[in-house]
Amino acid sequence: MDPNEISTCEKMVMKVIWDSTEDLDLQRVMENVNREFNKEWKPQTVSTFLSRLTKKGYLNVYRRGRYSYYQPAVAKTDYKMSTVAESIEYFDHGNVAAFVCGMFDSIKLTKEEKERIKKKIDELE
């Protein structure tokens, strides 16, 4: 899976679908994207993105009555890991430690986040 294969707008649609606990129809996808990302997309715009994502293999679609419903064909965690792996390779030539340390240099972490990260590192040993 190439994380660059989908556009920013398509990622917004995928995020709404990934975050949903149920399969969504066009109307619900449109409402959720518009609310979450402060957009004013019309049904035709969202329909175009849904069609592209289906053709690219990111979505499955099925009909129930008059409506088509969409569900992810690619798991959010798989896409996220692919995106991170591509970034590590691109920015730090595959050096995970350099990538992570670079992130820590630019991100302010809470005490709880630091503890969670320390615990995860300890689990690696």
N, C-alpha and C. Protein backbone atom coordinates (compact mmCIF):
# COMPACT_ATOMS: atom_id res chain seq x y z
N MET A 1 0.85 -1.18 0.00
CA MET A 1 0.00 0.00 0.00
C MET A 1 0.89 1.24 0.00
N ASP A 2 0.61 2.13 -0.90
CA ASP A 2 1.36 3.38 -0.98
C ASP A 2 0.54 4.48 -0.32
N PRO A 3 1.01 5.02 0.83
CA PRO A 3 0.22 6.05 1.53
C PRO A 3 0.04 7.32 0.73
N ASN A 4 0.88 7.52 -0.30
CA ASN A 4 0.74 8.71 -1.14
C ASN A 4 -0.31 8.52 -2.23
N GLU A 5 -0.87 7.33 -2.29
CA GLU A 5 -1.84 7.00 -3.33
C GLU A 5 -3.16 7.75 -3.17
N ILE A 6 -3.47 8.18 -1.96
CA ILE A 6 -4.73 8.89 -1.76
C ILE A 6 -4.47 10.36 -1.40
N SER A 7 -5.37 11.20 -1.86
CA SER A 7 -5.23 12.64 -1.66
C SER A 7 -5.62 13.03 -0.24
N THR A 8 -5.34 14.27 0.12
CA THR A 8 -5.71 14.79 1.43
C THR A 8 -7.22 14.72 1.63
N CYS A 9 -7.97 15.07 0.61
CA CYS A 9 -9.44 15.01 0.73
C CYS A 9 -9.92 13.58 0.90
N GLU A 10 -9.30 12.64 0.19
CA GLU A 10 -9.67 11.24 0.34
C GLU A 10 -9.31 10.73 1.74
N LYS A 11 -8.22 11.23 2.30
CA LYS A 11 -7.85 10.86 3.68
C LYS A 11 -8.91 11.34 4.67
N MET A 12 -9.48 12.51 4.42
CA MET A 12 -10.55 13.02 5.30
C MET A 12 -11.74 12.08 5.27
N VAL A 13 -12.11 11.64 4.08
CA VAL A 13 -13.23 10.70 3.94
C VAL A 13 -12.91 9.39 4.65
N MET A 14 -11.69 8.89 4.44
CA MET A 14 -11.30 7.64 5.09
C MET A 14 -11.31 7.77 6.60
N LYS A 15 -10.83 8.89 7.12
CA LYS A 15 -10.80 9.07 8.58
C LYS A 15 -12.20 9.00 9.17
N VAL A 16 -13.15 9.63 8.51
CA VAL A 16 -14.54 9.59 8.97
C VAL A 16 -15.06 8.15 8.96
N ILE A 17 -14.73 7.42 7.92
CA ILE A 17 -15.20 6.04 7.82
C ILE A 17 -14.48 5.16 8.85
N TRP A 18 -13.17 5.35 8.99
CA TRP A 18 -12.42 4.57 9.99
C TRP A 18 -12.93 4.83 11.40
N ASP A 19 -13.27 6.07 11.70
CA ASP A 19 -13.68 6.44 13.06
C ASP A 19 -15.12 6.05 13.39
N SER A 20 -15.89 5.67 12.40
CA SER A 20 -17.29 5.31 12.62
C SER A 20 -17.41 3.89 13.16
N THR A 21 -18.37 3.69 14.02
CA THR A 21 -18.63 2.35 14.55
C THR A 21 -19.60 1.56 13.67
N GLU A 22 -20.12 2.22 12.63
CA GLU A 22 -21.04 1.55 11.72
C GLU A 22 -20.72 1.93 10.28
N ASP A 23 -21.21 1.14 9.34
CA ASP A 23 -21.04 1.47 7.93
C ASP A 23 -21.86 2.72 7.62
N LEU A 24 -21.32 3.58 6.77
CA LEU A 24 -21.97 4.86 6.49
C LEU A 24 -22.42 4.94 5.04
N ASP A 25 -23.53 5.65 4.83
CA ASP A 25 -23.96 5.94 3.47
C ASP A 25 -23.41 7.31 3.07
N LEU A 26 -23.63 7.70 1.84
CA LEU A 26 -23.12 8.96 1.30
C LEU A 26 -23.50 10.15 2.18
N GLN A 27 -24.75 10.24 2.56
CA GLN A 27 -25.23 11.37 3.35
C GLN A 27 -24.49 11.50 4.69
N ARG A 28 -24.31 10.37 5.37
CA ARG A 28 -23.62 10.39 6.68
C ARG A 28 -22.14 10.71 6.52
N VAL A 29 -21.52 10.18 5.46
CA VAL A 29 -20.11 10.51 5.21
C VAL A 29 -19.98 12.01 5.00
N MET A 30 -20.85 12.57 4.16
CA MET A 30 -20.81 14.00 3.86
C MET A 30 -21.02 14.83 5.14
N GLU A 31 -22.02 14.50 5.93
CA GLU A 31 -22.28 15.24 7.16
C GLU A 31 -21.09 15.20 8.11
N ASN A 32 -20.51 14.01 8.27
CA ASN A 32 -19.39 13.86 9.21
C ASN A 32 -18.13 14.58 8.74
N VAL A 33 -17.83 14.49 7.44
CA VAL A 33 -16.66 15.20 6.91
C VAL A 33 -16.86 16.71 7.06
N ASN A 34 -18.03 17.19 6.69
CA ASN A 34 -18.29 18.63 6.78
C ASN A 34 -18.18 19.13 8.22
N ARG A 35 -18.67 18.36 9.16
CA ARG A 35 -18.62 18.75 10.57
C ARG A 35 -17.18 18.66 11.11
N GLU A 36 -16.53 17.53 10.88
CA GLU A 36 -15.21 17.30 11.47
C GLU A 36 -14.12 18.17 10.86
N PHE A 37 -14.22 18.45 9.56
CA PHE A 37 -13.16 19.18 8.88
C PHE A 37 -13.59 20.57 8.41
N ASN A 38 -14.74 21.02 8.88
CA ASN A 38 -15.25 22.35 8.56
C ASN A 38 -15.30 22.59 7.05
N LYS A 39 -15.92 21.64 6.36
CA LYS A 39 -16.07 21.71 4.91
C LYS A 39 -17.53 22.01 4.58
N GLU A 40 -17.76 22.30 3.32
CA GLU A 40 -19.13 22.48 2.82
C GLU A 40 -19.29 21.67 1.54
N TRP A 41 -18.84 20.44 1.60
CA TRP A 41 -18.90 19.59 0.43
C TRP A 41 -20.32 19.18 0.12
N LYS A 42 -20.60 19.08 -1.16
CA LYS A 42 -21.89 18.63 -1.65
C LYS A 42 -21.84 17.12 -1.90
N PRO A 43 -23.01 16.48 -2.05
CA PRO A 43 -23.04 15.03 -2.26
C PRO A 43 -22.19 14.57 -3.45
N GLN A 44 -22.19 15.31 -4.54
CA GLN A 44 -21.42 14.91 -5.73
C GLN A 44 -19.92 14.85 -5.44
N THR A 45 -19.44 15.81 -4.65
CA THR A 45 -18.03 15.85 -4.29
C THR A 45 -17.65 14.61 -3.47
N VAL A 46 -18.44 14.33 -2.46
CA VAL A 46 -18.18 13.17 -1.60
C VAL A 46 -18.32 11.88 -2.39
N SER A 47 -19.30 11.83 -3.25
CA SER A 47 -19.51 10.65 -4.09
C SER A 47 -18.28 10.37 -4.96
N THR A 48 -17.69 11.42 -5.48
CA THR A 48 -16.48 11.27 -6.29
C THR A 48 -15.34 10.67 -5.47
N PHE A 49 -15.15 11.19 -4.25
CA PHE A 49 -14.08 10.66 -3.38
C PHE A 49 -14.36 9.20 -3.01
N LEU A 50 -15.61 8.88 -2.69
CA LEU A 50 -15.96 7.51 -2.34
C LEU A 50 -15.71 6.56 -3.51
N SER A 51 -16.04 6.99 -4.70
CA SER A 51 -15.82 6.18 -5.89
C SER A 51 -14.33 5.94 -6.12
N ARG A 52 -13.54 6.98 -5.99
CA ARG A 52 -12.08 6.85 -6.17
C ARG A 52 -11.49 5.90 -5.14
N LEU A 53 -11.92 6.06 -3.89
CA LEU A 53 -11.39 5.20 -2.81
C LEU A 53 -11.78 3.74 -3.02
N THR A 54 -12.97 3.52 -3.55
CA THR A 54 -13.41 2.16 -3.85
C THR A 54 -12.55 1.57 -4.96
N LYS A 55 -12.31 2.34 -6.02
CA LYS A 55 -11.49 1.87 -7.14
C LYS A 55 -10.05 1.60 -6.71
N LYS A 56 -9.54 2.37 -5.76
CA LYS A 56 -8.17 2.20 -5.28
C LYS A 56 -8.06 1.06 -4.26
N GLY A 57 -9.20 0.48 -3.87
CA GLY A 57 -9.19 -0.65 -2.96
C GLY A 57 -9.19 -0.28 -1.49
N TYR A 58 -9.47 0.97 -1.16
CA TYR A 58 -9.51 1.40 0.23
C TYR A 58 -10.89 1.19 0.87
N LEU A 59 -11.93 1.09 0.05
CA LEU A 59 -13.30 0.93 0.55
C LEU A 59 -13.98 -0.26 -0.11
N ASN A 60 -14.87 -0.88 0.65
CA ASN A 60 -15.84 -1.83 0.11
C ASN A 60 -17.18 -1.13 0.14
N VAL A 61 -18.02 -1.44 -0.83
CA VAL A 61 -19.34 -0.84 -0.89
C VAL A 61 -20.37 -1.94 -1.10
N TYR A 62 -21.51 -1.79 -0.44
CA TYR A 62 -22.61 -2.73 -0.64
C TYR A 62 -23.91 -1.94 -0.61
N ARG A 63 -24.93 -2.50 -1.23
CA ARG A 63 -26.24 -1.84 -1.28
C ARG A 63 -27.19 -2.49 -0.29
N ARG A 64 -27.97 -1.63 0.34
CA ARG A 64 -29.06 -2.07 1.19
C ARG A 64 -30.24 -1.18 0.81
N GLY A 65 -31.20 -1.76 0.12
CA GLY A 65 -32.32 -0.96 -0.38
C GLY A 65 -31.83 0.03 -1.42
N ARG A 66 -32.19 1.29 -1.24
CA ARG A 66 -31.81 2.34 -2.19
C ARG A 66 -30.43 2.92 -1.92
N TYR A 67 -29.82 2.56 -0.82
CA TYR A 67 -28.59 3.22 -0.39
C TYR A 67 -27.37 2.31 -0.50
N SER A 68 -26.23 2.94 -0.80
CA SER A 68 -24.94 2.26 -0.78
C SER A 68 -24.26 2.59 0.54
N TYR A 69 -23.64 1.59 1.12
CA TYR A 69 -22.93 1.76 2.39
C TYR A 69 -21.46 1.43 2.19
N TYR A 70 -20.64 2.16 2.91
CA TYR A 70 -19.20 2.05 2.74
C TYR A 70 -18.55 1.56 4.02
N GLN A 71 -17.56 0.67 3.83
CA GLN A 71 -16.79 0.15 4.96
C GLN A 71 -15.33 0.08 4.51
N PRO A 72 -14.42 0.25 5.44
CA PRO A 72 -13.00 0.23 5.07
C PRO A 72 -12.55 -1.15 4.59
N ALA A 73 -11.80 -1.15 3.51
CA ALA A 73 -11.16 -2.37 3.02
C ALA A 73 -9.71 -2.41 3.52
N VAL A 74 -9.21 -1.25 3.93
CA VAL A 74 -7.87 -1.13 4.51
C VAL A 74 -8.05 -0.65 5.94
N ALA A 75 -7.46 -1.36 6.88
CA ALA A 75 -7.58 -0.99 8.30
C ALA A 75 -6.83 0.31 8.57
N LYS A 76 -7.37 1.09 9.49
CA LYS A 76 -6.73 2.35 9.88
C LYS A 76 -5.31 2.11 10.38
N THR A 77 -5.11 1.07 11.19
CA THR A 77 -3.77 0.80 11.73
C THR A 77 -2.80 0.42 10.62
N ASP A 78 -3.26 -0.33 9.62
CA ASP A 78 -2.40 -0.69 8.49
C ASP A 78 -1.98 0.55 7.71
N TYR A 79 -2.94 1.43 7.46
CA TYR A 79 -2.63 2.66 6.72
C TYR A 79 -1.67 3.53 7.53
N LYS A 80 -1.94 3.66 8.83
CA LYS A 80 -1.10 4.48 9.69
C LYS A 80 0.33 3.95 9.70
N MET A 81 0.49 2.64 9.85
CA MET A 81 1.83 2.04 9.88
C MET A 81 2.53 2.23 8.54
N SER A 82 1.81 2.12 7.45
CA SER A 82 2.39 2.32 6.13
C SER A 82 2.87 3.76 5.97
N THR A 83 2.08 4.70 6.47
CA THR A 83 2.43 6.11 6.40
C THR A 83 3.67 6.40 7.23
N VAL A 84 3.71 5.85 8.43
CA VAL A 84 4.87 6.06 9.31
C VAL A 84 6.11 5.41 8.70
N ALA A 85 5.98 4.19 8.20
CA ALA A 85 7.12 3.50 7.60
C ALA A 85 7.67 4.29 6.41
N GLU A 86 6.78 4.83 5.60
CA GLU A 86 7.21 5.63 4.44
C GLU A 86 7.93 6.89 4.91
N SER A 87 7.44 7.53 5.97
CA SER A 87 8.08 8.74 6.50
C SER A 87 9.45 8.43 7.09
N ILE A 88 9.57 7.33 7.80
CA ILE A 88 10.86 6.93 8.38
C ILE A 88 11.87 6.70 7.27
N GLU A 89 11.46 6.01 6.24
CA GLU A 89 12.36 5.73 5.12
C GLU A 89 12.74 7.03 4.40
N TYR A 90 11.77 7.88 4.16
CA TYR A 90 12.02 9.11 3.41
C TYR A 90 12.88 10.11 4.18
N PHE A 91 12.52 10.39 5.43
CA PHE A 91 13.21 11.43 6.18
C PHE A 91 14.48 10.97 6.87
N ASP A 92 14.52 9.71 7.30
CA ASP A 92 15.66 9.24 8.09
C ASP A 92 16.29 7.96 7.55
N HIS A 93 16.09 7.69 6.26
CA HIS A 93 16.73 6.55 5.58
C HIS A 93 16.53 5.24 6.33
N GLY A 94 15.34 5.08 6.92
CA GLY A 94 14.99 3.84 7.62
C GLY A 94 15.45 3.76 9.06
N ASN A 95 16.06 4.81 9.57
CA ASN A 95 16.56 4.82 10.94
C ASN A 95 15.43 5.22 11.89
N VAL A 96 14.82 4.22 12.52
CA VAL A 96 13.67 4.45 13.40
C VAL A 96 14.05 5.33 14.58
N ALA A 97 15.21 5.07 15.18
CA ALA A 97 15.64 5.85 16.35
C ALA A 97 15.78 7.34 16.00
N ALA A 98 16.39 7.63 14.86
CA ALA A 98 16.54 9.03 14.44
C ALA A 98 15.17 9.67 14.22
N PHE A 99 14.25 8.94 13.64
CA PHE A 99 12.91 9.46 13.39
C PHE A 99 12.19 9.77 14.70
N VAL A 100 12.22 8.82 15.62
CA VAL A 100 11.53 8.99 16.90
C VAL A 100 12.16 10.11 17.71
N CYS A 101 13.50 10.14 17.77
CA CYS A 101 14.17 11.21 18.51
C CYS A 101 13.86 12.57 17.91
N GLY A 102 13.79 12.64 16.59
CA GLY A 102 13.42 13.89 15.93
C GLY A 102 12.02 14.33 16.29
N MET A 103 11.11 13.37 16.43
CA MET A 103 9.75 13.70 16.84
C MET A 103 9.74 14.26 18.25
N PHE A 104 10.51 13.64 19.15
CA PHE A 104 10.53 14.09 20.54
C PHE A 104 11.13 15.48 20.67
N ASP A 105 12.01 15.84 19.76
CA ASP A 105 12.61 17.18 19.80
C ASP A 105 11.60 18.27 19.48
N SER A 106 10.54 17.91 18.77
CA SER A 106 9.59 18.94 18.32
C SER A 106 8.20 18.83 18.94
N ILE A 107 8.01 17.86 19.84
CA ILE A 107 6.69 17.65 20.44
C ILE A 107 6.79 17.78 21.96
N LYS A 108 5.85 18.51 22.53
CA LYS A 108 5.76 18.63 23.99
C LYS A 108 4.87 17.49 24.50
N LEU A 109 5.41 16.66 25.38
CA LEU A 109 4.67 15.51 25.90
C LEU A 109 4.20 15.77 27.33
N THR A 110 3.02 15.24 27.65
CA THR A 110 2.54 15.30 29.03
C THR A 110 3.25 14.23 29.84
N LYS A 111 3.16 14.32 31.14
CA LYS A 111 3.76 13.32 32.03
C LYS A 111 3.18 11.93 31.73
N GLU A 112 1.87 11.86 31.51
CA GLU A 112 1.22 10.58 31.22
C GLU A 112 1.72 10.00 29.90
N GLU A 113 1.90 10.85 28.90
CA GLU A 113 2.41 10.37 27.61
C GLU A 113 3.84 9.84 27.74
N LYS A 114 4.65 10.55 28.52
CA LYS A 114 6.03 10.09 28.74
C LYS A 114 6.05 8.73 29.44
N GLU A 115 5.21 8.56 30.44
CA GLU A 115 5.14 7.28 31.16
C GLU A 115 4.70 6.15 30.23
N ARG A 116 3.73 6.44 29.39
CA ARG A 116 3.24 5.42 28.45
C ARG A 116 4.34 5.02 27.47
N ILE A 117 5.10 5.99 27.01
CA ILE A 117 6.20 5.70 26.08
C ILE A 117 7.30 4.91 26.78
N LYS A 118 7.64 5.31 28.00
CA LYS A 118 8.67 4.58 28.77
C LYS A 118 8.24 3.13 28.97
N LYS A 119 6.99 2.93 29.30
CA LYS A 119 6.48 1.57 29.51
C LYS A 119 6.59 0.75 28.22
N LYS A 120 6.26 1.35 27.10
CA LYS A 120 6.33 0.65 25.82
C LYS A 120 7.78 0.30 25.49
N ILE A 121 8.72 1.19 25.76
CA ILE A 121 10.13 0.91 25.53
C ILE A 121 10.61 -0.24 26.41
N ASP A 122 10.18 -0.23 27.66
CA ASP A 122 10.56 -1.31 28.59
C ASP A 122 10.03 -2.66 28.10
N GLU A 123 8.87 -2.66 27.47
CA GLU A 123 8.29 -3.89 26.96
C GLU A 123 9.09 -4.46 25.79
N LEU A 124 9.87 -3.62 25.12
CA LEU A 124 10.66 -4.07 23.97
C LEU A 124 11.85 -4.92 24.39
N GLU A 125 12.27 -4.78 25.63
CA GLU A 125 13.47 -5.49 26.09
C GLU A 125 13.20 -6.93 26.42
